[in-house]
PDB file of all heavy atoms in Angstrom:
ATOM      1  N   PRO A   1      -0.403  -1.775 -24.778  1.00  0.00           N
ATOM      2  CA  PRO A   1       0.194  -1.686 -23.459  1.00  0.00           C
ATOM      3  C   PRO A   1      -0.677  -0.947 -22.514  1.00  0.00           C
ATOM      4  O   PRO A   1      -1.043   0.218 -22.799  1.00  0.00           O
ATOM      5  CB  PRO A   1       1.532  -1.003 -23.674  1.00  0.00           C
ATOM      6  CG  PRO A   1       1.814  -1.087 -25.128  1.00  0.00           C
ATOM      7  CD  PRO A   1       0.447  -1.145 -25.791  1.00  0.00           C
ATOM      8  N   LEU A   2      -1.045  -1.571 -21.431  1.00  0.00           N
ATOM      9  CA  LEU A   2      -1.932  -0.914 -20.436  1.00  0.00           C
ATOM     10  C   LEU A   2      -1.245  -0.604 -19.178  1.00  0.00           C
ATOM     11  O   LEU A   2      -0.570  -1.422 -18.575  1.00  0.00           O
ATOM     12  CB  LEU A   2      -3.119  -1.873 -20.119  1.00  0.00           C
ATOM     13  CG  LEU A   2      -4.470  -1.675 -20.834  1.00  0.00           C
ATOM     14  CD1 LEU A   2      -5.402  -2.801 -20.448  1.00  0.00           C
ATOM     15  CD2 LEU A   2      -5.081  -0.381 -20.496  1.00  0.00           C
ATOM     16  N   THR A   3      -1.359   0.669 -18.699  1.00  0.00           N
ATOM     17  CA  THR A   3      -0.780   1.076 -17.426  1.00  0.00           C
ATOM     18  C   THR A   3      -1.823   1.592 -16.518  1.00  0.00           C
ATOM     19  O   THR A   3      -2.678   2.483 -16.959  1.00  0.00           O
ATOM     20  CB  THR A   3       0.273   2.150 -17.685  1.00  0.00           C
ATOM     21  OG1 THR A   3       1.283   1.666 -18.525  1.00  0.00           O
ATOM     22  CG2 THR A   3       1.020   2.479 -16.331  1.00  0.00           C
ATOM     23  N   TYR A   4      -1.903   1.135 -15.271  1.00  0.00           N
ATOM     24  CA  TYR A   4      -2.825   1.636 -14.279  1.00  0.00           C
ATOM     25  C   TYR A   4      -2.085   2.560 -13.352  1.00  0.00           C
ATOM     26  O   TYR A   4      -1.124   2.266 -12.704  1.00  0.00           O
ATOM     27  CB  TYR A   4      -3.421   0.454 -13.477  1.00  0.00           C
ATOM     28  CG  TYR A   4      -4.436   0.853 -12.482  1.00  0.00           C
ATOM     29  CD1 TYR A   4      -5.719   1.143 -12.868  1.00  0.00           C
ATOM     30  CD2 TYR A   4      -4.115   0.980 -11.109  1.00  0.00           C
ATOM     31  CE1 TYR A   4      -6.699   1.571 -11.967  1.00  0.00           C
ATOM     32  CE2 TYR A   4      -5.053   1.412 -10.178  1.00  0.00           C
ATOM     33  CZ  TYR A   4      -6.355   1.651 -10.626  1.00  0.00           C
ATOM     34  OH  TYR A   4      -7.318   2.071  -9.735  1.00  0.00           O
ATOM     35  N   VAL A   5      -2.549   3.876 -13.331  1.00  0.00           N
ATOM     36  CA  VAL A   5      -1.898   4.900 -12.589  1.00  0.00           C
ATOM     37  C   VAL A   5      -2.850   5.349 -11.497  1.00  0.00           C
ATOM     38  O   VAL A   5      -3.988   5.809 -11.801  1.00  0.00           O
ATOM     39  CB  VAL A   5      -1.586   6.134 -13.557  1.00  0.00           C
ATOM     40  CG1 VAL A   5      -0.990   7.303 -12.706  1.00  0.00           C
ATOM     41  CG2 VAL A   5      -0.581   5.671 -14.607  1.00  0.00           C
ATOM     42  N   THR A   6      -2.395   5.355 -10.209  1.00  0.00           N
ATOM     43  CA  THR A   6      -3.284   5.617  -9.122  1.00  0.00           C
ATOM     44  C   THR A   6      -2.644   6.363  -8.006  1.00  0.00           C
ATOM     45  O   THR A   6      -1.447   6.139  -7.745  1.00  0.00           O
ATOM     46  CB  THR A   6      -3.942   4.357  -8.580  1.00  0.00           C
ATOM     47  OG1 THR A   6      -4.854   4.665  -7.499  1.00  0.00           O
ATOM     48  CG2 THR A   6      -2.907   3.331  -8.110  1.00  0.00           C
ATOM     49  N   SER A   7      -3.357   7.258  -7.394  1.00  0.00           N
ATOM     50  CA  SER A   7      -2.894   7.948  -6.182  1.00  0.00           C
ATOM     51  C   SER A   7      -2.859   7.104  -4.958  1.00  0.00           C
ATOM     52  O   SER A   7      -2.332   7.522  -3.934  1.00  0.00           O
ATOM     53  CB  SER A   7      -3.743   9.201  -5.953  1.00  0.00           C
ATOM     54  OG  SER A   7      -5.093   8.895  -5.948  1.00  0.00           O
ATOM     55  N   GLU A   8      -3.442   5.880  -5.014  1.00  0.00           N
ATOM     56  CA  GLU A   8      -3.437   4.987  -3.845  1.00  0.00           C
ATOM     57  C   GLU A   8      -1.955   4.650  -3.458  1.00  0.00           C
ATOM     58  O   GLU A   8      -1.114   4.535  -4.319  1.00  0.00           O
ATOM     59  CB  GLU A   8      -4.174   3.706  -4.197  1.00  0.00           C
ATOM     60  CG  GLU A   8      -5.627   3.814  -4.572  1.00  0.00           C
ATOM     61  CD  GLU A   8      -6.043   2.576  -5.273  1.00  0.00           C
ATOM     62  OE1 GLU A   8      -5.873   2.460  -6.530  1.00  0.00           O
ATOM     63  OE2 GLU A   8      -6.563   1.648  -4.625  1.00  0.00           O
ATOM     64  N   PRO A   9      -1.722   4.460  -2.180  1.00  0.00           N
ATOM     65  CA  PRO A   9      -0.352   4.076  -1.754  1.00  0.00           C
ATOM     66  C   PRO A   9       0.011   2.659  -2.153  1.00  0.00           C
ATOM     67  O   PRO A   9       1.171   2.324  -2.231  1.00  0.00           O
ATOM     68  CB  PRO A   9      -0.390   4.247  -0.227  1.00  0.00           C
ATOM     69  CG  PRO A   9      -1.828   4.066   0.136  1.00  0.00           C
ATOM     70  CD  PRO A   9      -2.615   4.683  -1.005  1.00  0.00           C
ATOM     71  N   TYR A  10      -0.977   1.789  -2.410  1.00  0.00           N
ATOM     72  CA  TYR A  10      -0.717   0.428  -2.892  1.00  0.00           C
ATOM     73  C   TYR A  10      -1.958  -0.060  -3.624  1.00  0.00           C
ATOM     74  O   TYR A  10      -3.105   0.460  -3.478  1.00  0.00           O
ATOM     75  CB  TYR A  10      -0.374  -0.506  -1.742  1.00  0.00           C
ATOM     76  CG  TYR A  10      -1.350  -0.578  -0.581  1.00  0.00           C
ATOM     77  CD1 TYR A  10      -2.469  -1.346  -0.640  1.00  0.00           C
ATOM     78  CD2 TYR A  10      -1.103   0.165   0.544  1.00  0.00           C
ATOM     79  CE1 TYR A  10      -3.384  -1.404   0.418  1.00  0.00           C
ATOM     80  CE2 TYR A  10      -2.040   0.180   1.606  1.00  0.00           C
ATOM     81  CZ  TYR A  10      -3.122  -0.636   1.550  1.00  0.00           C
ATOM     82  OH  TYR A  10      -4.053  -0.681   2.611  1.00  0.00           O
ATOM     83  N   ILE A  11      -1.766  -1.022  -4.438  1.00  0.00           N
ATOM     84  CA  ILE A  11      -2.862  -1.644  -5.203  1.00  0.00           C
ATOM     85  C   ILE A  11      -3.848  -2.271  -4.204  1.00  0.00           C
ATOM     86  O   ILE A  11      -3.453  -2.948  -3.248  1.00  0.00           O
ATOM     87  CB  ILE A  11      -2.352  -2.731  -6.199  1.00  0.00           C
ATOM     88  CG1 ILE A  11      -1.537  -2.039  -7.272  1.00  0.00           C
ATOM     89  CG2 ILE A  11      -3.497  -3.511  -6.756  1.00  0.00           C
ATOM     90  CD1 ILE A  11      -2.314  -1.036  -8.147  1.00  0.00           C
ATOM     91  N   GLY A  12      -5.142  -1.959  -4.392  1.00  0.00           N
ATOM     92  CA  GLY A  12      -6.202  -2.497  -3.526  1.00  0.00           C
ATOM     93  C   GLY A  12      -6.449  -1.659  -2.296  1.00  0.00           C
ATOM     94  O   GLY A  12      -7.230  -2.069  -1.437  1.00  0.00           O
ATOM     95  N   HIS A  13      -5.864  -0.504  -2.193  1.00  0.00           N
ATOM     96  CA  HIS A  13      -6.143   0.382  -1.079  1.00  0.00           C
ATOM     97  C   HIS A  13      -7.576   0.867  -1.137  1.00  0.00           C
ATOM     98  O   HIS A  13      -8.288   0.933  -0.089  1.00  0.00           O
ATOM     99  CB  HIS A  13      -5.133   1.579  -1.067  1.00  0.00           C
ATOM    100  CG  HIS A  13      -5.364   2.543   0.056  1.00  0.00           C
ATOM    101  ND1 HIS A  13      -6.246   3.563  -0.009  1.00  0.00           N
ATOM    102  CD2 HIS A  13      -4.724   2.645   1.272  1.00  0.00           C
ATOM    103  CE1 HIS A  13      -6.212   4.231   1.174  1.00  0.00           C
ATOM    104  NE2 HIS A  13      -5.269   3.702   1.927  1.00  0.00           N
ATOM    105  N   LEU A  14      -8.011   1.295  -2.327  1.00  0.00           N
ATOM    106  CA  LEU A  14      -9.376   1.641  -2.566  1.00  0.00           C
ATOM    107  C   LEU A  14      -9.917   2.871  -1.837  1.00  0.00           C
ATOM    108  O   LEU A  14     -11.116   3.082  -1.731  1.00  0.00           O
ATOM    109  CB  LEU A  14     -10.290   0.426  -2.324  1.00  0.00           C
ATOM    110  CG  LEU A  14     -10.074  -0.816  -3.135  1.00  0.00           C
ATOM    111  CD1 LEU A  14     -10.864  -1.988  -2.565  1.00  0.00           C
ATOM    112  CD2 LEU A  14     -10.431  -0.577  -4.568  1.00  0.00           C
ATOM    113  N   GLY A  15      -8.991   3.606  -1.226  1.00  0.00           N
ATOM    114  CA  GLY A  15      -9.396   4.760  -0.405  1.00  0.00           C
ATOM    115  C   GLY A  15      -9.915   4.318   0.948  1.00  0.00           C
ATOM    116  O   GLY A  15     -10.417   5.145   1.696  1.00  0.00           O
ATOM    117  N   LEU A  16      -9.786   2.995   1.251  1.00  0.00           N
ATOM    118  CA  LEU A  16     -10.358   2.434   2.497  1.00  0.00           C
ATOM    119  C   LEU A  16      -9.285   1.751   3.367  1.00  0.00           C
ATOM    120  O   LEU A  16      -9.677   1.086   4.378  1.00  0.00           O
ATOM    121  CB  LEU A  16     -11.394   1.344   2.121  1.00  0.00           C
ATOM    122  CG  LEU A  16     -12.653   1.903   1.404  1.00  0.00           C
ATOM    123  CD1 LEU A  16     -13.500   0.770   0.858  1.00  0.00           C
ATOM    124  CD2 LEU A  16     -13.423   2.816   2.366  1.00  0.00           C
ATOM    125  N   GLY A  17      -8.047   1.932   3.026  1.00  0.00           N
ATOM    126  CA  GLY A  17      -7.046   1.205   3.734  1.00  0.00           C
ATOM    127  C   GLY A  17      -6.995  -0.311   3.416  1.00  0.00           C
ATOM    128  O   GLY A  17      -6.560  -1.139   4.183  1.00  0.00           O
ATOM    129  N   GLY A  18      -7.562  -0.662   2.298  1.00  0.00           N
ATOM    130  CA  GLY A  18      -7.710  -2.051   1.881  1.00  0.00           C
ATOM    131  C   GLY A  18      -9.001  -2.703   2.482  1.00  0.00           C
ATOM    132  O   GLY A  18      -9.473  -2.228   3.490  1.00  0.00           O
ATOM    133  N   VAL A  19      -9.454  -3.722   1.804  1.00  0.00           N
ATOM    134  CA  VAL A  19     -10.609  -4.436   2.305  1.00  0.00           C
ATOM    135  C   VAL A  19     -10.264  -5.969   2.158  1.00  0.00           C
ATOM    136  O   VAL A  19     -10.052  -6.428   1.040  1.00  0.00           O
ATOM    137  CB  VAL A  19     -11.905  -4.165   1.546  1.00  0.00           C
ATOM    138  CG1 VAL A  19     -13.041  -4.990   2.140  1.00  0.00           C
ATOM    139  CG2 VAL A  19     -12.271  -2.663   1.649  1.00  0.00           C
ATOM    140  N   GLY A  20     -10.159  -6.699   3.271  1.00  0.00           N
ATOM    141  CA  GLY A  20      -9.785  -8.069   3.183  1.00  0.00           C
ATOM    142  C   GLY A  20      -8.492  -8.264   2.460  1.00  0.00           C
ATOM    143  O   GLY A  20      -7.457  -7.594   2.742  1.00  0.00           O
ATOM    144  N   ASP A  21      -8.471  -9.156   1.460  1.00  0.00           N
ATOM    145  CA  ASP A  21      -7.247  -9.470   0.694  1.00  0.00           C
ATOM    146  C   ASP A  21      -7.189  -8.649  -0.614  1.00  0.00           C
ATOM    147  O   ASP A  21      -6.650  -9.146  -1.582  1.00  0.00           O
ATOM    148  CB  ASP A  21      -7.218 -10.967   0.352  1.00  0.00           C
ATOM    149  CG  ASP A  21      -7.047 -11.800   1.607  1.00  0.00           C
ATOM    150  OD1 ASP A  21      -6.390 -11.402   2.541  1.00  0.00           O
ATOM    151  OD2 ASP A  21      -7.553 -12.939   1.608  1.00  0.00           O
ATOM    152  N   SER A  22      -7.764  -7.455  -0.615  1.00  0.00           N
ATOM    153  CA  SER A  22      -7.841  -6.695  -1.874  1.00  0.00           C
ATOM    154  C   SER A  22      -6.464  -6.435  -2.465  1.00  0.00           C
ATOM    155  O   SER A  22      -6.330  -6.453  -3.688  1.00  0.00           O
ATOM    156  CB  SER A  22      -8.558  -5.366  -1.609  1.00  0.00           C
ATOM    157  OG  SER A  22      -7.954  -4.576  -0.592  1.00  0.00           O
ATOM    158  N   LYS A  23      -5.471  -6.185  -1.654  1.00  0.00           N
ATOM    159  CA  LYS A  23      -4.156  -5.889  -2.250  1.00  0.00           C
ATOM    160  C   LYS A  23      -3.580  -7.068  -2.985  1.00  0.00           C
ATOM    161  O   LYS A  23      -3.179  -6.919  -4.201  1.00  0.00           O
ATOM    162  CB  LYS A  23      -3.160  -5.590  -1.064  1.00  0.00           C
ATOM    163  CG  LYS A  23      -1.728  -5.215  -1.548  1.00  0.00           C
ATOM    164  CD  LYS A  23      -0.844  -4.797  -0.381  1.00  0.00           C
ATOM    165  CE  LYS A  23       0.525  -4.282  -0.858  1.00  0.00           C
ATOM    166  NZ  LYS A  23       1.336  -5.253  -1.565  1.00  0.00           N
ATOM    167  N   SER A  24      -3.460  -8.230  -2.382  1.00  0.00           N
ATOM    168  CA  SER A  24      -2.879  -9.394  -3.028  1.00  0.00           C
ATOM    169  C   SER A  24      -3.760  -9.850  -4.274  1.00  0.00           C
ATOM    170  O   SER A  24      -3.216 -10.185  -5.329  1.00  0.00           O
ATOM    171  CB  SER A  24      -2.668 -10.548  -2.054  1.00  0.00           C
ATOM    172  OG  SER A  24      -3.933 -10.927  -1.513  1.00  0.00           O
ATOM    173  N   MET A  25      -5.079  -9.820  -4.120  1.00  0.00           N
ATOM    174  CA  MET A  25      -5.947 -10.342  -5.148  1.00  0.00           C
ATOM    175  C   MET A  25      -5.907  -9.395  -6.378  1.00  0.00           C
ATOM    176  O   MET A  25      -5.899  -9.852  -7.532  1.00  0.00           O
ATOM    177  CB  MET A  25      -7.347 -10.469  -4.641  1.00  0.00           C
ATOM    178  CG  MET A  25      -7.484 -11.590  -3.620  1.00  0.00           C
ATOM    179  SD  MET A  25      -9.204 -11.876  -3.032  1.00  0.00           S
ATOM    180  CE  MET A  25      -9.924 -12.552  -4.480  1.00  0.00           C
ATOM    181  N   LEU A  26      -5.963  -8.071  -6.138  1.00  0.00           N
ATOM    182  CA  LEU A  26      -5.923  -7.139  -7.289  1.00  0.00           C
ATOM    183  C   LEU A  26      -4.523  -7.083  -7.920  1.00  0.00           C
ATOM    184  O   LEU A  26      -4.417  -6.978  -9.151  1.00  0.00           O
ATOM    185  CB  LEU A  26      -6.369  -5.764  -6.868  1.00  0.00           C
ATOM    186  CG  LEU A  26      -7.876  -5.622  -6.610  1.00  0.00           C
ATOM    187  CD1 LEU A  26      -8.215  -4.253  -6.028  1.00  0.00           C
ATOM    188  CD2 LEU A  26      -8.671  -5.832  -7.911  1.00  0.00           C
ATOM    189  N   GLU A  27      -3.469  -7.169  -7.147  1.00  0.00           N
ATOM    190  CA  GLU A  27      -2.126  -7.257  -7.755  1.00  0.00           C
ATOM    191  C   GLU A  27      -2.037  -8.508  -8.619  1.00  0.00           C
ATOM    192  O   GLU A  27      -1.495  -8.453  -9.735  1.00  0.00           O
ATOM    193  CB  GLU A  27      -1.104  -7.296  -6.678  1.00  0.00           C
ATOM    194  CG  GLU A  27      -0.749  -5.975  -6.011  1.00  0.00           C
ATOM    195  CD  GLU A  27       0.399  -6.055  -5.022  1.00  0.00           C
ATOM    196  OE1 GLU A  27       0.820  -7.164  -4.714  1.00  0.00           O
ATOM    197  OE2 GLU A  27       0.915  -5.017  -4.640  1.00  0.00           O
ATOM    198  N   SER A  28      -2.519  -9.639  -8.136  1.00  0.00           N
ATOM    199  CA  SER A  28      -2.496 -10.876  -8.919  1.00  0.00           C
ATOM    200  C   SER A  28      -3.265 -10.731 -10.227  1.00  0.00           C
ATOM    201  O   SER A  28      -2.817 -11.197 -11.246  1.00  0.00           O
ATOM    202  CB  SER A  28      -3.034 -12.033  -8.115  1.00  0.00           C
ATOM    203  OG  SER A  28      -3.087 -13.206  -8.845  1.00  0.00           O
ATOM    204  N   GLU A  29      -4.430 -10.079 -10.161  1.00  0.00           N
ATOM    205  CA  GLU A  29      -5.263  -9.936 -11.352  1.00  0.00           C
ATOM    206  C   GLU A  29      -4.561  -8.969 -12.372  1.00  0.00           C
ATOM    207  O   GLU A  29      -4.555  -9.242 -13.554  1.00  0.00           O
ATOM    208  CB  GLU A  29      -6.591  -9.345 -10.963  1.00  0.00           C
ATOM    209  CG  GLU A  29      -7.607  -9.422 -12.095  1.00  0.00           C
ATOM    210  CD  GLU A  29      -8.048 -10.870 -12.463  1.00  0.00           C
ATOM    211  OE1 GLU A  29      -7.899 -11.761 -11.604  1.00  0.00           O
ATOM    212  OE2 GLU A  29      -8.504 -11.001 -13.624  1.00  0.00           O
ATOM    213  N   LEU A  30      -3.957  -7.884 -11.906  1.00  0.00           N
ATOM    214  CA  LEU A  30      -3.198  -7.028 -12.785  1.00  0.00           C
ATOM    215  C   LEU A  30      -2.036  -7.748 -13.454  1.00  0.00           C
ATOM    216  O   LEU A  30      -1.852  -7.585 -14.669  1.00  0.00           O
ATOM    217  CB  LEU A  30      -2.763  -5.803 -11.994  1.00  0.00           C
ATOM    218  CG  LEU A  30      -3.791  -4.749 -11.538  1.00  0.00           C
ATOM    219  CD1 LEU A  30      -3.203  -3.778 -10.617  1.00  0.00           C
ATOM    220  CD2 LEU A  30      -4.412  -4.049 -12.743  1.00  0.00           C
ATOM    221  N   ARG A  31      -1.304  -8.513 -12.688  1.00  0.00           N
ATOM    222  CA  ARG A  31      -0.210  -9.276 -13.267  1.00  0.00           C
ATOM    223  C   ARG A  31      -0.704 -10.268 -14.268  1.00  0.00           C
ATOM    224  O   ARG A  31      -0.144 -10.424 -15.409  1.00  0.00           O
ATOM    225  CB  ARG A  31       0.587  -9.983 -12.157  1.00  0.00           C
ATOM    226  CG  ARG A  31       1.433  -9.118 -11.234  1.00  0.00           C
ATOM    227  CD  ARG A  31       2.357  -9.980 -10.395  1.00  0.00           C
ATOM    228  NE  ARG A  31       3.051  -9.153  -9.399  1.00  0.00           N
ATOM    229  CZ  ARG A  31       2.656  -9.036  -8.157  1.00  0.00           C
ATOM    230  NH1 ARG A  31       1.498  -9.680  -7.744  1.00  0.00           N
ATOM    231  NH2 ARG A  31       3.291  -8.263  -7.295  1.00  0.00           N
TER     232      ARG A  31
END
């Protein structure tokens, strides 16, 4: 079982406020 734990406010934030579609694409990949 793999769990990704991050201080980011949402997946794909990357410390940059997101880049392009990073949120939806990384969420999809994790799922």
